[in-house]
Amino acid sequence: MPRPVRSLACLVPLLFAVHANAAPPLPDRVILVGDSTMASTTGYGDALCARFTPETACHNLARGGRSSGSFRAEKRWDEVMELLRSGAGFRKTYVLIQFGHNDQPGKPGRSTDYVTEFPANMKRYVDEARSLGGEPVLVTPLTRRIFKDGYVHNDLAPWAATVRDIARGTKTPLVDLNALSLAAVQKMGSQEADKLARTGANFDHTHLGPLGAERFSGIMAKELVRKVPALSASMRGAQ
């Protein structure tokens, strides 16, 4: 009987040595694709990136004034595909895709039909991200903070509904930011909601100042981890 015990004792240092020499786990990478409500200085994107761990690469490629059509037409999606092609150093690359604001009517060169063009554009983003090894996550558009008779007017509801349908049809994780932000803004009321905007001449009911970016990035982070549990290790305070 003593002989097996001695053999096991000899193996213990070896096991520790193997563990010590094991390569560290690869970090995750996150790419943000969207419009001004996600972009730097006017949206929540940078604040969301700041919520990830230092090891997690977060690229905010969202740009103001872009729709699901113009983002591709300007070849900005090409930047995303280049990043996906160079993803060997990461465990997973998650691509968060949010459009809708500039797809609405009355925006020449940007508007898309939400029955035909918009869903086709969004589905194509999902398909292409997956074809290059990415993990797409669809995000419904952030609500505007416009109140009518005491209630938030959700003029983005048709675009949000379309994104939900695409998520179901393609089995893509969905962060329903439209519903979550609508509920949050309704609860706080118009006066408190105005504090989420930029100040002075830049004030409006769509874009975000520092308080708004912090508030909605927190909502995004919490729901993102809930819908994509594998990202919890990459999010500060989520473990």
C-alpha atoms as a PDB file:
ATOM      1  CA  MET A   1       0.000   0.000   0.000  1.00  0.00           C
ATOM      2  CA  PRO A   2       2.734   2.591   0.726  1.00  0.00           C
ATOM      3  CA  ARG A   3       4.052   2.403  -2.841  1.00  0.00           C
ATOM      4  CA  PRO A   4       0.954   4.003  -4.536  1.00  0.00           C
ATOM      5  CA  VAL A   5       0.970   6.744  -1.917  1.00  0.00           C
ATOM      6  CA  ARG A   6       4.603   7.587  -2.704  1.00  0.00           C
ATOM      7  CA  SER A   7       3.788   7.598  -6.441  1.00  0.00           C
ATOM      8  CA  LEU A   8       0.922  10.014  -5.910  1.00  0.00           C
ATOM      9  CA  ALA A   9       3.121  12.263  -3.796  1.00  0.00           C
ATOM     10  CA  CYS A  10       5.618  12.413  -6.634  1.00  0.00           C
ATOM     11  CA  LEU A  11       2.921  13.474  -9.070  1.00  0.00           C
ATOM     12  CA  VAL A  12       1.731  16.468  -7.039  1.00  0.00           C
ATOM     13  CA  PRO A  13       4.704  18.769  -7.838  1.00  0.00           C
ATOM     14  CA  LEU A  14       4.436  17.782 -11.500  1.00  0.00           C
ATOM     15  CA  LEU A  15       0.766  18.735 -11.611  1.00  0.00           C
ATOM     16  CA  PHE A  16       1.531  22.118 -10.067  1.00  0.00           C
ATOM     17  CA  ALA A  17       4.317  22.700 -12.598  1.00  0.00           C
ATOM     18  CA  VAL A  18       2.020  21.918 -15.527  1.00  0.00           C
ATOM     19  CA  HIS A  19      -0.616  24.284 -14.154  1.00  0.00           C
ATOM     20  CA  ALA A  20       1.945  27.060 -13.624  1.00  0.00           C
ATOM     21  CA  ASN A  21       3.190  26.761 -17.193  1.00  0.00           C
ATOM     22  CA  ALA A  22      -0.301  26.690 -18.757  1.00  0.00           C
ATOM     23  CA  ALA A  23      -1.039  29.543 -21.132  1.00  0.00           C
ATOM     24  CA  PRO A  24      -3.351  32.228 -19.693  1.00  0.00           C
ATOM     25  CA  PRO A  25      -6.890  32.247 -21.099  1.00  0.00           C
ATOM     26  CA  LEU A  26      -7.418  34.400 -24.165  1.00  0.00           C
ATOM     27  CA  PRO A  27      -9.326  37.658 -23.569  1.00  0.00           C
ATOM     28  CA  ASP A  28     -12.607  38.577 -25.204  1.00  0.00           C
ATOM     29  CA  ARG A  29     -13.092  41.393 -27.681  1.00  0.00           C
ATOM     30  CA  VAL A  30     -16.169  43.588 -28.162  1.00  0.00           C
ATOM     31  CA  ILE A  31     -16.969  45.707 -31.230  1.00  0.00           C
ATOM     32  CA  LEU A  32     -19.728  48.337 -31.091  1.00  0.00           C
ATOM     33  CA  VAL A  33     -21.562  49.101 -34.342  1.00  0.00           C
ATOM     34  CA  GLY A  34     -24.257  51.761 -34.425  1.00  0.00           C
ATOM     35  CA  ASP A  35     -25.249  55.412 -34.565  1.00  0.00           C
ATOM     36  CA  SER A  36     -24.764  58.518 -32.401  1.00  0.00           C
ATOM     37  CA  THR A  37     -26.659  57.065 -29.437  1.00  0.00           C
ATOM     38  CA  MET A  38     -23.831  54.533 -29.138  1.00  0.00           C
ATOM     39  CA  ALA A  39     -20.965  56.679 -30.456  1.00  0.00           C
ATOM     40  CA  SER A  40     -18.262  58.526 -28.516  1.00  0.00           C
ATOM     41  CA  THR A  41     -19.254  61.883 -26.927  1.00  0.00           C
ATOM     42  CA  THR A  42     -22.949  61.597 -27.902  1.00  0.00           C
ATOM     43  CA  GLY A  43     -23.860  58.071 -26.787  1.00  0.00           C
ATOM     44  CA  TYR A  44     -23.212  55.349 -24.227  1.00  0.00           C
ATOM     45  CA  GLY A  45     -20.593  53.329 -26.139  1.00  0.00           C
ATOM     46  CA  ASP A  46     -17.428  54.617 -24.498  1.00  0.00           C
ATOM     47  CA  ALA A  47     -18.998  54.303 -21.051  1.00  0.00           C
ATOM     48  CA  LEU A  48     -19.916  50.704 -21.879  1.00  0.00           C
ATOM     49  CA  CYS A  49     -16.351  49.975 -23.006  1.00  0.00           C
ATOM     50  CA  ALA A  50     -15.111  51.326 -19.668  1.00  0.00           C
ATOM     51  CA  ARG A  51     -17.179  48.691 -17.871  1.00  0.00           C
ATOM     52  CA  PHE A  52     -15.161  45.841 -19.367  1.00  0.00           C
ATOM     53  CA  THR A  53     -12.018  44.503 -17.706  1.00  0.00           C
ATOM     54  CA  PRO A  54      -8.658  45.951 -18.843  1.00  0.00           C
ATOM     55  CA  GLU A  55      -7.834  42.697 -20.647  1.00  0.00           C
ATOM     56  CA  THR A  56     -10.975  42.940 -22.796  1.00  0.00           C
ATOM     57  CA  ALA A  57     -10.518  44.839 -26.061  1.00  0.00           C
ATOM     58  CA  CYS A  58     -13.483  47.128 -26.771  1.00  0.00           C
ATOM     59  CA  HIS A  59     -13.692  49.003 -30.078  1.00  0.00           C
ATOM     60  CA  ASN A  60     -16.385  51.659 -30.359  1.00  0.00           C
ATOM     61  CA  LEU A  61     -16.909  51.951 -34.127  1.00  0.00           C
ATOM     62  CA  ALA A  62     -20.361  53.539 -33.825  1.00  0.00           C
ATOM     63  CA  ARG A  63     -20.667  56.829 -35.716  1.00  0.00           C
ATOM     64  CA  GLY A  64     -23.201  59.640 -35.532  1.00  0.00           C
ATOM     65  CA  GLY A  65     -25.751  60.043 -38.290  1.00  0.00           C
ATOM     66  CA  ARG A  66     -25.400  56.511 -39.647  1.00  0.00           C
ATOM     67  CA  SER A  67     -28.199  54.139 -40.518  1.00  0.00           C
ATOM     68  CA  SER A  68     -28.136  50.417 -41.176  1.00  0.00           C
ATOM     69  CA  GLY A  69     -27.614  51.309 -44.831  1.00  0.00           C
ATOM     70  CA  SER A  70     -25.187  54.238 -44.737  1.00  0.00           C
ATOM     71  CA  PHE A  71     -22.848  52.540 -42.240  1.00  0.00           C
ATOM     72  CA  ARG A  72     -22.146  49.893 -44.864  1.00  0.00           C
ATOM     73  CA  ALA A  73     -22.259  52.297 -47.827  1.00  0.00           C
ATOM     74  CA  GLU A  74     -19.467  54.344 -46.233  1.00  0.00           C
ATOM     75  CA  LYS A  75     -17.443  51.126 -45.876  1.00  0.00           C
ATOM     76  CA  ARG A  76     -17.424  51.375 -42.091  1.00  0.00           C
ATOM     77  CA  TRP A  77     -18.525  47.762 -41.873  1.00  0.00           C
ATOM     78  CA  ASP A  78     -15.312  46.892 -43.702  1.00  0.00           C
ATOM     79  CA  GLU A  79     -13.426  47.973 -40.557  1.00  0.00           C
ATOM     80  CA  VAL A  80     -15.446  45.494 -38.521  1.00  0.00           C
ATOM     81  CA  MET A  81     -14.740  42.657 -40.952  1.00  0.00           C
ATOM     82  CA  GLU A  82     -11.014  43.432 -40.888  1.00  0.00           C
ATOM     83  CA  LEU A  83     -11.029  43.175 -37.101  1.00  0.00           C
ATOM     84  CA  LEU A  84     -12.917  39.886 -37.280  1.00  0.00           C
ATOM     85  CA  ARG A  85     -10.379  38.476 -39.717  1.00  0.00           C
ATOM     86  CA  SER A  86      -7.613  39.281 -37.216  1.00  0.00           C
ATOM     87  CA  GLY A  87      -9.291  37.675 -34.213  1.00  0.00           C
ATOM     88  CA  ALA A  88      -6.828  34.867 -33.511  1.00  0.00           C
ATOM     89  CA  GLY A  89      -5.666  36.434 -30.230  1.00  0.00           C
ATOM     90  CA  PHE A  90      -9.116  36.478 -28.654  1.00  0.00           C
ATOM     91  CA  ARG A  91     -11.382  33.846 -27.152  1.00  0.00           C
ATOM     92  CA  LYS A  92     -14.469  35.380 -28.768  1.00  0.00           C
ATOM     93  CA  THR A  93     -15.292  38.603 -30.589  1.00  0.00           C
ATOM     94  CA  TYR A  94     -18.759  39.951 -29.834  1.00  0.00           C
ATOM     95  CA  VAL A  95     -20.283  42.431 -32.295  1.00  0.00           C
ATOM     96  CA  LEU A  96     -23.040  44.600 -30.802  1.00  0.00           C
ATOM     97  CA  ILE A  97     -25.231  45.988 -33.606  1.00  0.00           C
ATOM     98  CA  GLN A  98     -27.706  48.834 -32.995  1.00  0.00           C
ATOM     99  CA  PHE A  99     -29.464  50.917 -35.642  1.00  0.00           C
ATOM    100  CA  GLY A 100     -32.864  52.534 -36.107  1.00  0.00           C
ATOM    101  CA  HIS A 101     -32.650  56.261 -35.381  1.00  0.00           C
ATOM    102  CA  ASN A 102     -31.333  57.284 -38.784  1.00  0.00           C
ATOM    103  CA  ASP A 103     -33.281  54.582 -40.599  1.00  0.00           C
ATOM    104  CA  GLN A 104     -36.443  56.562 -39.891  1.00  0.00           C
ATOM    105  CA  PRO A 105     -38.114  58.581 -42.698  1.00  0.00           C
ATOM    106  CA  GLY A 106     -36.990  62.099 -43.533  1.00  0.00           C
ATOM    107  CA  LYS A 107     -33.241  61.481 -43.564  1.00  0.00           C
ATOM    108  CA  PRO A 108     -32.084  61.636 -47.206  1.00  0.00           C
ATOM    109  CA  GLY A 109     -29.376  59.135 -48.043  1.00  0.00           C
ATOM    110  CA  ARG A 110     -29.890  57.320 -44.767  1.00  0.00           C
ATOM    111  CA  SER A 111     -33.554  56.374 -44.332  1.00  0.00           C
ATOM    112  CA  THR A 112     -34.485  52.750 -44.954  1.00  0.00           C
ATOM    113  CA  ASP A 113     -37.820  50.985 -45.237  1.00  0.00           C
ATOM    114  CA  TYR A 114     -38.304  49.077 -41.977  1.00  0.00           C
ATOM    115  CA  VAL A 115     -40.382  46.406 -43.719  1.00  0.00           C
ATOM    116  CA  THR A 116     -37.840  45.542 -46.431  1.00  0.00           C
ATOM    117  CA  GLU A 117     -34.464  47.320 -46.333  1.00  0.00           C
ATOM    118  CA  PHE A 118     -33.938  47.604 -42.587  1.00  0.00           C
ATOM    119  CA  PRO A 119     -34.447  43.912 -41.748  1.00  0.00           C
ATOM    120  CA  ALA A 120     -32.356  42.849 -44.742  1.00  0.00           C
ATOM    121  CA  ASN A 121     -29.522  45.131 -43.628  1.00  0.00           C
ATOM    122  CA  MET A 122     -29.599  43.922 -40.034  1.00  0.00           C
ATOM    123  CA  LYS A 123     -29.755  40.257 -40.974  1.00  0.00           C
ATOM    124  CA  ARG A 124     -26.820  40.711 -43.337  1.00  0.00           C
ATOM    125  CA  TYR A 125     -24.729  42.158 -40.502  1.00  0.00           C
ATOM    126  CA  VAL A 126     -25.569  39.131 -38.357  1.00  0.00           C
ATOM    127  CA  ASP A 127     -24.776  36.647 -41.119  1.00  0.00           C
ATOM    128  CA  GLU A 128     -21.483  38.277 -42.089  1.00  0.00           C
ATOM    129  CA  ALA A 129     -20.288  38.607 -38.491  1.00  0.00           C
ATOM    130  CA  ARG A 130     -20.922  34.905 -37.959  1.00  0.00           C
ATOM    131  CA  SER A 131     -19.265  33.925 -41.223  1.00  0.00           C
ATOM    132  CA  LEU A 132     -16.038  35.486 -39.926  1.00  0.00           C
ATOM    133  CA  GLY A 133     -16.229  33.832 -36.522  1.00  0.00           C
ATOM    134  CA  GLY A 134     -17.846  36.730 -34.678  1.00  0.00           C
ATOM    135  CA  GLU A 135     -20.661  36.492 -32.133  1.00  0.00           C
ATOM    136  CA  PRO A 136     -23.337  39.047 -33.110  1.00  0.00           C
ATOM    137  CA  VAL A 137     -25.581  40.607 -30.475  1.00  0.00           C
ATOM    138  CA  LEU A 138     -28.545  42.672 -31.663  1.00  0.00           C
ATOM    139  CA  VAL A 139     -29.541  45.804 -29.736  1.00  0.00           C
ATOM    140  CA  THR A 140     -32.861  47.608 -30.176  1.00  0.00           C
ATOM    141  CA  PRO A 141     -32.555  51.419 -30.529  1.00  0.00           C
ATOM    142  CA  LEU A 142     -32.232  53.594 -27.433  1.00  0.00           C
ATOM    143  CA  THR A 143     -35.459  55.479 -26.741  1.00  0.00           C
ATOM    144  CA  ARG A 144     -35.809  59.199 -27.281  1.00  0.00           C
ATOM    145  CA  ARG A 145     -36.784  61.085 -24.137  1.00  0.00           C
ATOM    146  CA  ILE A 146     -39.831  62.920 -25.501  1.00  0.00           C
ATOM    147  CA  PHE A 147     -42.921  62.974 -23.283  1.00  0.00           C
ATOM    148  CA  LYS A 148     -46.498  63.440 -24.498  1.00  0.00           C
ATOM    149  CA  ASP A 149     -49.284  63.685 -21.927  1.00  0.00           C
ATOM    150  CA  GLY A 150     -46.989  62.249 -19.280  1.00  0.00           C
ATOM    151  CA  TYR A 151     -45.800  59.259 -21.298  1.00  0.00           C
ATOM    152  CA  VAL A 152     -42.640  58.658 -23.313  1.00  0.00           C
ATOM    153  CA  HIS A 153     -43.427  58.763 -27.024  1.00  0.00           C
ATOM    154  CA  ASN A 154     -41.767  55.694 -28.520  1.00  0.00           C
ATOM    155  CA  ASP A 155     -41.452  56.621 -32.188  1.00  0.00           C
ATOM    156  CA  LEU A 156     -38.818  53.895 -32.601  1.00  0.00           C
ATOM    157  CA  ALA A 157     -41.206  51.050 -31.739  1.00  0.00           C
ATOM    158  CA  PRO A 158     -41.464  49.670 -35.325  1.00  0.00           C
ATOM    159  CA  TRP A 159     -37.676  49.460 -35.683  1.00  0.00           C
ATOM    160  CA  ALA A 160     -37.331  47.855 -32.265  1.00  0.00           C
ATOM    161  CA  ALA A 161     -39.983  45.281 -33.184  1.00  0.00           C
ATOM    162  CA  THR A 162     -38.144  44.460 -36.403  1.00  0.00           C
ATOM    163  CA  VAL A 163     -34.875  43.877 -34.537  1.00  0.00           C
ATOM    164  CA  ARG A 164     -36.667  41.572 -32.091  1.00  0.00           C
ATOM    165  CA  ASP A 165     -38.053  39.560 -35.010  1.00  0.00           C
ATOM    166  CA  ILE A 166     -34.606  39.235 -36.585  1.00  0.00           C
ATOM    167  CA  ALA A 167     -33.099  38.119 -33.280  1.00  0.00           C
ATOM    168  CA  ARG A 168     -35.725  35.399 -32.945  1.00  0.00           C
ATOM    169  CA  GLY A 169     -35.412  34.300 -36.560  1.00  0.00           C
ATOM    170  CA  THR A 170     -31.620  34.113 -36.512  1.00  0.00           C
ATOM    171  CA  LYS A 171     -31.316  32.885 -32.902  1.00  0.00           C
ATOM    172  CA  THR A 172     -29.160  35.895 -32.065  1.00  0.00           C
ATOM    173  CA  PRO A 173     -28.822  37.231 -28.497  1.00  0.00           C
ATOM    174  CA  LEU A 174     -30.901  40.395 -28.055  1.00  0.00           C
ATOM    175  CA  VAL A 175     -30.453  43.335 -25.711  1.00  0.00           C
ATOM    176  CA  ASP A 176     -33.836  45.067 -25.814  1.00  0.00           C
ATOM    177  CA  LEU A 177     -32.467  48.494 -24.986  1.00  0.00           C
ATOM    178  CA  ASN A 178     -35.543  50.183 -26.434  1.00  0.00           C
ATOM    179  CA  ALA A 179     -37.837  48.542 -23.887  1.00  0.00           C
ATOM    180  CA  LEU A 180     -35.375  48.887 -21.011  1.00  0.00           C
ATOM    181  CA  SER A 181     -34.557  52.546 -21.671  1.00  0.00           C
ATOM    182  CA  LEU A 182     -38.233  53.373 -22.246  1.00  0.00           C
ATOM    183  CA  ALA A 183     -39.151  51.920 -18.858  1.00  0.00           C
ATOM    184  CA  ALA A 184     -36.269  53.736 -17.138  1.00  0.00           C
ATOM    185  CA  VAL A 185     -37.104  57.116 -18.685  1.00  0.00           C
ATOM    186  CA  GLN A 186     -40.827  56.717 -17.983  1.00  0.00           C
ATOM    187  CA  LYS A 187     -40.090  55.950 -14.346  1.00  0.00           C
ATOM    188  CA  MET A 188     -37.819  58.966 -13.833  1.00  0.00           C
ATOM    189  CA  GLY A 189     -40.115  61.503 -15.530  1.00  0.00           C
ATOM    190  CA  SER A 190     -39.330  64.313 -17.948  1.00  0.00           C
ATOM    191  CA  GLN A 191     -37.409  66.590 -15.562  1.00  0.00           C
ATOM    192  CA  GLU A 192     -35.016  63.869 -14.435  1.00  0.00           C
ATOM    193  CA  ALA A 193     -34.739  62.540 -17.983  1.00  0.00           C
ATOM    194  CA  ASP A 194     -33.564  65.952 -19.193  1.00  0.00           C
ATOM    195  CA  LYS A 195     -30.506  65.577 -16.942  1.00  0.00           C
ATOM    196  CA  LEU A 196     -29.337  62.673 -19.122  1.00  0.00           C
ATOM    197  CA  ALA A 197     -28.866  64.959 -22.128  1.00  0.00           C
ATOM    198  CA  ARG A 198     -25.958  67.101 -23.180  1.00  0.00           C
ATOM    199  CA  THR A 199     -26.063  70.656 -21.890  1.00  0.00           C
ATOM    200  CA  GLY A 200     -26.273  74.105 -23.444  1.00  0.00           C
ATOM    201  CA  ALA A 201     -26.623  74.420 -27.207  1.00  0.00           C
ATOM    202  CA  ASN A 202     -26.150  70.655 -27.579  1.00  0.00           C
ATOM    203  CA  PHE A 203     -29.239  69.786 -25.531  1.00  0.00           C
ATOM    204  CA  ASP A 204     -31.767  67.471 -27.153  1.00  0.00           C
ATOM    205  CA  HIS A 205     -33.920  64.487 -26.237  1.00  0.00           C
ATOM    206  CA  THR A 206     -31.925  61.913 -28.204  1.00  0.00           C
ATOM    207  CA  HIS A 207     -28.231  62.191 -27.418  1.00  0.00           C
ATOM    208  CA  LEU A 208     -26.501  61.643 -24.101  1.00  0.00           C
ATOM    209  CA  GLY A 209     -24.324  63.632 -21.764  1.00  0.00           C
ATOM    210  CA  PRO A 210     -22.111  62.004 -19.113  1.00  0.00           C
ATOM    211  CA  LEU A 211     -25.024  61.135 -16.807  1.00  0.00           C
ATOM    212  CA  GLY A 212     -27.005  59.571 -19.633  1.00  0.00           C
ATOM    213  CA  ALA A 213     -24.016  57.619 -20.896  1.00  0.00           C
ATOM    214  CA  GLU A 214     -23.376  56.253 -17.415  1.00  0.00           C
ATOM    215  CA  ARG A 215     -27.025  55.365 -16.836  1.00  0.00           C
ATOM    216  CA  PHE A 216     -27.644  53.560 -20.103  1.00  0.00           C
ATOM    217  CA  SER A 217     -24.245  51.855 -20.235  1.00  0.00           C
ATOM    218  CA  GLY A 218     -25.131  50.362 -16.864  1.00  0.00           C
ATOM    219  CA  ILE A 219     -28.431  49.077 -18.223  1.00  0.00           C
ATOM    220  CA  MET A 220     -26.634  47.690 -21.264  1.00  0.00           C
ATOM    221  CA  ALA A 221     -23.929  45.968 -19.219  1.00  0.00           C
ATOM    222  CA  LYS A 222     -26.393  44.295 -16.872  1.00  0.00           C
ATOM    223  CA  GLU A 223     -28.593  42.984 -19.690  1.00  0.00           C
ATOM    224  CA  LEU A 224     -25.643  41.993 -21.862  1.00  0.00           C
ATOM    225  CA  VAL A 225     -24.274  39.722 -19.149  1.00  0.00           C
ATOM    226  CA  ARG A 226     -27.747  38.267 -18.620  1.00  0.00           C
ATOM    227  CA  LYS A 227     -28.210  37.487 -22.307  1.00  0.00           C
ATOM    228  CA  VAL A 228     -24.594  36.466 -22.964  1.00  0.00           C
ATOM    229  CA  PRO A 229     -23.403  34.853 -19.700  1.00  0.00           C
ATOM    230  CA  ALA A 230     -20.024  33.996 -21.236  1.00  0.00           C
ATOM    231  CA  LEU A 231     -19.219  37.732 -21.131  1.00  0.00           C
ATOM    232  CA  SER A 232     -19.564  37.942 -17.353  1.00  0.00           C
ATOM    233  CA  ALA A 233     -15.858  37.216 -16.849  1.00  0.00           C
ATOM    234  CA  SER A 234     -15.040  40.196 -19.071  1.00  0.00           C
ATOM    235  CA  MET A 235     -17.320  42.680 -17.307  1.00  0.00           C
ATOM    236  CA  ARG A 236     -16.190  44.579 -14.206  1.00  0.00           C
ATOM    237  CA  GLY A 237     -18.174  43.604 -11.132  1.00  0.00           C
ATOM    238  CA  ALA A 238     -20.233  40.983 -12.958  1.00  0.00           C
ATOM    239  CA  GLN A 239     -18.593  37.929 -11.409  1.00  0.00           C
END
